């Protein structure tokens, strides 16, 4: 809720940092005290997910670049961010991302 309030503050500069910083601060504040004890298990899960994360996002970035929907730097940046999200959050969010991409491509082609 706090990040949503920060988003509504009228500022002349579109900094793209105030809202993520606020949301991140809220996420850190909600971390349970035993988070340090669970970190080794999380790290192992992230490392195990990396091959899929890199492969899926590299393929998606390449397809987007070949379809001329993103620039080279956009494909690289998207692949990096996507791999981090996939590895950190697991593959469960991939379905939502695929639906989002399908809607975006459909809009571009005028079918959605």
N, C-alpha and C. Protein backbone atom coordinates (compact mmCIF):
# COMPACT_ATOMS: atom_id res chain seq x y z
N UNK A 1 0.82 -1.18 0.00
CA UNK A 1 0.00 0.00 0.00
C UNK A 1 0.87 1.25 0.00
N UNK A 2 1.97 1.20 0.73
CA UNK A 2 2.83 2.36 0.80
C UNK A 2 3.43 2.69 -0.57
N UNK A 3 3.83 1.66 -1.31
CA UNK A 3 4.38 1.88 -2.65
C UNK A 3 3.34 2.49 -3.57
N UNK A 4 2.08 2.09 -3.44
CA UNK A 4 1.01 2.69 -4.24
C UNK A 4 0.84 4.16 -3.90
N UNK A 5 0.96 4.50 -2.63
CA UNK A 5 0.88 5.91 -2.24
C UNK A 5 2.06 6.71 -2.79
N UNK A 6 3.24 6.12 -2.74
CA UNK A 6 4.42 6.81 -3.28
C UNK A 6 4.24 7.05 -4.78
N UNK A 7 3.63 6.10 -5.47
CA UNK A 7 3.40 6.23 -6.92
C UNK A 7 2.53 7.44 -7.24
N UNK A 8 1.62 7.78 -6.35
CA UNK A 8 0.70 8.89 -6.62
C UNK A 8 1.28 10.25 -6.28
N UNK A 9 2.46 10.31 -5.68
CA UNK A 9 3.06 11.61 -5.34
C UNK A 9 3.43 12.33 -6.63
N UNK A 10 2.93 13.57 -6.79
CA UNK A 10 3.25 14.30 -8.02
C UNK A 10 4.69 14.85 -7.99
N UNK A 11 5.53 14.32 -8.84
CA UNK A 11 6.91 14.81 -8.95
C UNK A 11 7.19 15.08 -10.42
N UNK A 12 8.11 15.99 -10.67
CA UNK A 12 8.44 16.34 -12.04
C UNK A 12 9.40 15.32 -12.66
N UNK A 13 10.17 14.64 -11.82
CA UNK A 13 11.17 13.70 -12.31
C UNK A 13 10.61 12.28 -12.21
N UNK A 14 10.62 11.56 -13.31
CA UNK A 14 10.20 10.16 -13.30
C UNK A 14 11.43 9.33 -12.96
N UNK A 15 11.65 9.09 -11.67
CA UNK A 15 12.91 8.49 -11.24
C UNK A 15 12.94 6.97 -11.32
N UNK A 16 11.80 6.30 -11.34
CA UNK A 16 11.73 4.84 -11.42
C UNK A 16 12.49 4.14 -10.31
N UNK A 17 12.69 4.81 -9.20
CA UNK A 17 13.38 4.18 -8.08
C UNK A 17 12.59 4.31 -6.79
N UNK A 18 11.79 5.36 -6.64
CA UNK A 18 11.10 5.57 -5.37
C UNK A 18 10.09 4.46 -5.07
N UNK A 19 9.32 4.04 -6.06
CA UNK A 19 8.32 2.99 -5.83
C UNK A 19 8.99 1.64 -5.56
N UNK A 20 9.96 1.19 -6.40
CA UNK A 20 10.60 -0.09 -6.08
C UNK A 20 11.34 -0.08 -4.74
N UNK A 21 11.96 1.05 -4.42
CA UNK A 21 12.67 1.13 -3.14
C UNK A 21 11.69 1.03 -1.97
N UNK A 22 10.55 1.68 -2.11
CA UNK A 22 9.53 1.60 -1.05
C UNK A 22 8.99 0.19 -0.92
N UNK A 23 8.68 -0.44 -2.05
CA UNK A 23 8.17 -1.81 -2.01
C UNK A 23 9.23 -2.77 -1.46
N UNK A 24 10.47 -2.59 -1.87
CA UNK A 24 11.54 -3.44 -1.37
C UNK A 24 11.75 -3.28 0.13
N UNK A 25 11.65 -2.04 0.59
CA UNK A 25 11.76 -1.79 2.03
C UNK A 25 10.66 -2.49 2.80
N UNK A 26 9.46 -2.49 2.23
CA UNK A 26 8.35 -3.19 2.88
C UNK A 26 8.57 -4.69 2.88
N UNK A 27 9.14 -5.22 1.81
CA UNK A 27 9.40 -6.66 1.74
C UNK A 27 10.46 -7.07 2.75
N UNK A 28 11.49 -6.25 2.89
CA UNK A 28 12.55 -6.56 3.86
C UNK A 28 12.00 -6.48 5.27
N UNK A 29 11.12 -5.51 5.50
CA UNK A 29 10.54 -5.35 6.83
C UNK A 29 9.70 -6.56 7.21
N UNK A 30 9.13 -7.26 6.25
CA UNK A 30 8.27 -8.41 6.53
C UNK A 30 9.03 -9.73 6.60
N UNK A 31 10.32 -9.71 6.34
CA UNK A 31 11.11 -10.94 6.38
C UNK A 31 11.13 -11.49 7.80
N UNK A 32 10.80 -12.77 7.96
CA UNK A 32 10.84 -13.37 9.30
C UNK A 32 12.25 -13.36 9.89
N UNK A 33 12.31 -13.40 11.18
CA UNK A 33 13.60 -13.36 11.86
C UNK A 33 14.49 -14.55 11.52
N UNK A 34 13.89 -15.68 11.19
CA UNK A 34 14.69 -16.87 10.89
C UNK A 34 15.12 -16.92 9.41
N UNK A 35 15.03 -15.81 8.71
CA UNK A 35 15.40 -15.78 7.30
C UNK A 35 16.84 -16.18 7.06
N UNK A 36 17.73 -15.81 7.97
CA UNK A 36 19.15 -16.17 7.80
C UNK A 36 19.37 -17.67 7.90
N UNK A 37 18.57 -18.34 8.72
CA UNK A 37 18.72 -19.79 8.85
C UNK A 37 18.22 -20.51 7.61
N UNK A 38 17.26 -19.92 6.91
CA UNK A 38 16.71 -20.56 5.73
C UNK A 38 17.48 -20.20 4.46
N UNK A 39 18.41 -19.28 4.53
CA UNK A 39 19.12 -18.84 3.33
C UNK A 39 19.85 -19.97 2.60
N UNK A 40 20.55 -20.88 3.27
CA UNK A 40 21.22 -21.96 2.52
C UNK A 40 20.25 -22.77 1.65
N UNK A 41 19.07 -23.04 2.15
CA UNK A 41 18.08 -23.80 1.35
C UNK A 41 17.61 -22.96 0.16
N UNK A 42 17.42 -21.67 0.39
CA UNK A 42 17.02 -20.78 -0.71
C UNK A 42 18.12 -20.70 -1.76
N UNK A 43 19.36 -20.57 -1.31
CA UNK A 43 20.48 -20.46 -2.25
C UNK A 43 20.58 -21.73 -3.10
N UNK A 44 20.40 -22.88 -2.49
CA UNK A 44 20.46 -24.14 -3.23
C UNK A 44 19.34 -24.20 -4.27
N UNK A 45 18.14 -23.74 -3.92
CA UNK A 45 17.02 -23.74 -4.87
C UNK A 45 17.27 -22.78 -6.02
N UNK A 46 17.86 -21.63 -5.72
CA UNK A 46 18.16 -20.65 -6.77
C UNK A 46 19.19 -21.21 -7.73
N UNK A 47 20.25 -21.81 -7.20
CA UNK A 47 21.29 -22.39 -8.05
C UNK A 47 20.73 -23.53 -8.90
N UNK A 48 19.84 -24.32 -8.32
CA UNK A 48 19.23 -25.43 -9.07
C UNK A 48 18.34 -24.91 -10.20
N UNK A 49 17.71 -23.74 -10.00
CA UNK A 49 16.80 -23.19 -11.01
C UNK A 49 17.54 -22.41 -12.10
N UNK A 50 18.80 -22.07 -11.89
CA UNK A 50 19.52 -21.23 -12.85
C UNK A 50 19.59 -21.78 -14.27
N UNK A 51 19.87 -23.06 -14.50
CA UNK A 51 19.92 -23.52 -15.89
C UNK A 51 18.60 -23.29 -16.64
N UNK A 52 17.49 -23.62 -16.00
CA UNK A 52 16.19 -23.37 -16.64
C UNK A 52 15.95 -21.88 -16.81
N UNK A 53 16.29 -21.10 -15.78
CA UNK A 53 16.07 -19.65 -15.83
C UNK A 53 16.83 -19.02 -16.99
N UNK A 54 18.07 -19.39 -17.13
CA UNK A 54 18.89 -18.82 -18.21
C UNK A 54 18.39 -19.31 -19.57
N UNK A 55 18.11 -20.61 -19.67
CA UNK A 55 17.66 -21.16 -20.95
C UNK A 55 16.34 -20.58 -21.42
N UNK A 56 15.35 -20.55 -20.56
CA UNK A 56 14.03 -20.05 -20.93
C UNK A 56 14.12 -18.58 -21.32
N UNK A 57 14.83 -17.79 -20.54
CA UNK A 57 14.90 -16.36 -20.81
C UNK A 57 15.79 -16.02 -21.99
N UNK A 58 16.84 -16.79 -22.22
CA UNK A 58 17.67 -16.55 -23.40
C UNK A 58 16.86 -16.85 -24.67
N UNK A 59 16.11 -17.95 -24.65
CA UNK A 59 15.27 -18.29 -25.80
C UNK A 59 14.20 -17.21 -26.04
N UNK A 60 13.54 -16.79 -24.98
CA UNK A 60 12.51 -15.76 -25.11
C UNK A 60 13.10 -14.45 -25.63
N UNK A 61 14.25 -14.07 -25.12
CA UNK A 61 14.90 -12.84 -25.57
C UNK A 61 15.29 -12.94 -27.04
N UNK A 62 15.82 -14.07 -27.42
CA UNK A 62 16.22 -14.26 -28.82
C UNK A 62 15.01 -14.20 -29.75
N UNK A 63 13.91 -14.86 -29.33
CA UNK A 63 12.69 -14.83 -30.15
C UNK A 63 12.15 -13.40 -30.26
N UNK A 64 12.17 -12.66 -29.18
CA UNK A 64 11.71 -11.28 -29.21
C UNK A 64 12.58 -10.42 -30.10
N UNK A 65 13.88 -10.64 -30.04
CA UNK A 65 14.80 -9.88 -30.89
C UNK A 65 14.61 -10.23 -32.36
N UNK A 66 14.44 -11.51 -32.65
CA UNK A 66 14.23 -11.94 -34.05
C UNK A 66 12.91 -11.41 -34.61
N UNK A 67 11.90 -11.28 -33.74
CA UNK A 67 10.60 -10.76 -34.17
C UNK A 67 10.60 -9.23 -34.23
N UNK A 68 11.73 -8.64 -33.88
CA UNK A 68 11.90 -7.18 -33.88
C UNK A 68 10.93 -6.46 -32.95
N UNK A 69 10.61 -7.12 -31.83
CA UNK A 69 9.76 -6.48 -30.84
C UNK A 69 10.58 -5.79 -29.76
N UNK A 70 11.88 -6.12 -29.67
CA UNK A 70 12.78 -5.46 -28.73
C UNK A 70 14.13 -5.22 -29.41
N UNK A 71 14.86 -4.27 -28.88
CA UNK A 71 16.21 -4.01 -29.37
C UNK A 71 17.17 -5.04 -28.77
N UNK A 72 18.40 -5.02 -29.21
CA UNK A 72 19.39 -5.96 -28.67
C UNK A 72 19.58 -5.72 -27.17
N UNK A 73 19.72 -4.44 -26.78
CA UNK A 73 19.90 -4.15 -25.35
C UNK A 73 18.64 -4.52 -24.56
N UNK A 74 17.46 -4.34 -25.15
CA UNK A 74 16.22 -4.72 -24.47
C UNK A 74 16.13 -6.23 -24.28
N UNK A 75 16.58 -6.98 -25.27
CA UNK A 75 16.57 -8.43 -25.16
C UNK A 75 17.54 -8.90 -24.08
N UNK A 76 18.73 -8.31 -24.05
CA UNK A 76 19.72 -8.69 -23.03
C UNK A 76 19.22 -8.33 -21.64
N UNK A 77 18.72 -7.10 -21.50
CA UNK A 77 18.21 -6.67 -20.20
C UNK A 77 17.02 -7.51 -19.75
N UNK A 78 16.12 -7.79 -20.68
CA UNK A 78 14.96 -8.61 -20.35
C UNK A 78 15.35 -10.03 -19.97
N UNK A 79 16.33 -10.58 -20.66
CA UNK A 79 16.80 -11.93 -20.34
C UNK A 79 17.42 -11.96 -18.95
N UNK A 80 18.21 -10.96 -18.61
CA UNK A 80 18.83 -10.93 -17.28
C UNK A 80 17.79 -10.79 -16.18
N UNK A 81 16.89 -9.83 -16.34
CA UNK A 81 15.86 -9.63 -15.33
C UNK A 81 14.96 -10.86 -15.23
N UNK A 82 14.59 -11.41 -16.37
CA UNK A 82 13.75 -12.60 -16.37
C UNK A 82 14.41 -13.78 -15.68
N UNK A 83 15.70 -13.97 -15.93
CA UNK A 83 16.42 -15.08 -15.29
C UNK A 83 16.49 -14.89 -13.79
N UNK A 84 16.69 -13.67 -13.36
CA UNK A 84 16.74 -13.40 -11.91
C UNK A 84 15.38 -13.68 -11.28
N UNK A 85 14.32 -13.22 -11.93
CA UNK A 85 12.98 -13.44 -11.38
C UNK A 85 12.64 -14.93 -11.38
N UNK A 86 12.94 -15.61 -12.48
CA UNK A 86 12.64 -17.04 -12.58
C UNK A 86 13.41 -17.82 -11.51
N UNK A 87 14.69 -17.55 -11.38
CA UNK A 87 15.51 -18.29 -10.41
C UNK A 87 15.09 -17.96 -8.98
N UNK A 88 14.81 -16.71 -8.72
CA UNK A 88 14.46 -16.30 -7.36
C UNK A 88 13.05 -16.64 -6.97
N UNK A 89 12.14 -16.63 -7.93
CA UNK A 89 10.74 -16.86 -7.60
C UNK A 89 10.23 -18.21 -8.02
N UNK A 90 11.02 -18.94 -8.75
CA UNK A 90 10.59 -20.25 -9.20
C UNK A 90 9.85 -20.17 -10.51
N UNK A 91 9.63 -21.30 -11.12
CA UNK A 91 8.98 -21.36 -12.41
C UNK A 91 7.48 -21.18 -12.35
N UNK A 92 6.90 -21.09 -11.16
CA UNK A 92 5.46 -20.96 -11.03
C UNK A 92 4.91 -19.68 -11.64
N UNK A 93 5.74 -18.68 -11.75
CA UNK A 93 5.29 -17.40 -12.30
C UNK A 93 5.43 -17.34 -13.81
N UNK A 94 5.97 -18.36 -14.40
CA UNK A 94 6.19 -18.36 -15.84
C UNK A 94 4.88 -18.35 -16.60
N UNK A 95 3.86 -19.05 -16.10
CA UNK A 95 2.56 -19.06 -16.76
C UNK A 95 1.96 -17.68 -16.85
N UNK A 96 2.05 -16.91 -15.78
CA UNK A 96 1.53 -15.54 -15.79
C UNK A 96 2.31 -14.69 -16.78
N UNK A 97 3.61 -14.87 -16.81
CA UNK A 97 4.43 -14.10 -17.76
C UNK A 97 4.09 -14.48 -19.20
N UNK A 98 3.86 -15.76 -19.45
CA UNK A 98 3.51 -16.19 -20.81
C UNK A 98 2.17 -15.60 -21.25
N UNK A 99 1.21 -15.56 -20.34
CA UNK A 99 -0.08 -14.94 -20.69
C UNK A 99 0.10 -13.46 -21.00
N UNK A 100 0.95 -12.79 -20.23
CA UNK A 100 1.21 -11.36 -20.46
C UNK A 100 1.85 -11.16 -21.84
N UNK A 101 2.82 -11.98 -22.18
CA UNK A 101 3.50 -11.86 -23.48
C UNK A 101 2.51 -12.14 -24.61
N UNK A 102 1.69 -13.15 -24.43
CA UNK A 102 0.70 -13.48 -25.46
C UNK A 102 -0.26 -12.32 -25.70
N UNK A 103 -0.70 -11.66 -24.64
CA UNK A 103 -1.58 -10.50 -24.79
C UNK A 103 -0.87 -9.36 -25.49
N UNK A 104 0.40 -9.12 -25.13
CA UNK A 104 1.16 -8.02 -25.75
C UNK A 104 1.37 -8.27 -27.23
N UNK A 105 1.73 -9.50 -27.59
CA UNK A 105 1.95 -9.83 -28.99
C UNK A 105 0.63 -9.72 -29.76
N UNK A 106 -0.45 -10.18 -29.14
CA UNK A 106 -1.77 -10.09 -29.78
C UNK A 106 -2.17 -8.65 -30.04
N UNK A 107 -1.88 -7.76 -29.11
CA UNK A 107 -2.20 -6.35 -29.31
C UNK A 107 -1.39 -5.76 -30.44
N UNK A 108 -0.12 -6.13 -30.52
CA UNK A 108 0.74 -5.62 -31.58
C UNK A 108 0.23 -6.02 -32.96
N UNK A 109 -0.28 -7.23 -33.02
CA UNK A 109 -0.75 -7.74 -34.31
C UNK A 109 -2.21 -7.43 -34.56
N UNK A 110 -2.87 -6.81 -33.58
CA UNK A 110 -4.25 -6.40 -33.74
C UNK A 110 -5.27 -7.50 -33.54
N UNK A 111 -4.86 -8.62 -32.94
CA UNK A 111 -5.79 -9.73 -32.75
C UNK A 111 -6.36 -9.79 -31.36
N UNK A 112 -5.86 -8.97 -30.44
CA UNK A 112 -6.38 -9.03 -29.06
C UNK A 112 -7.14 -7.78 -28.70
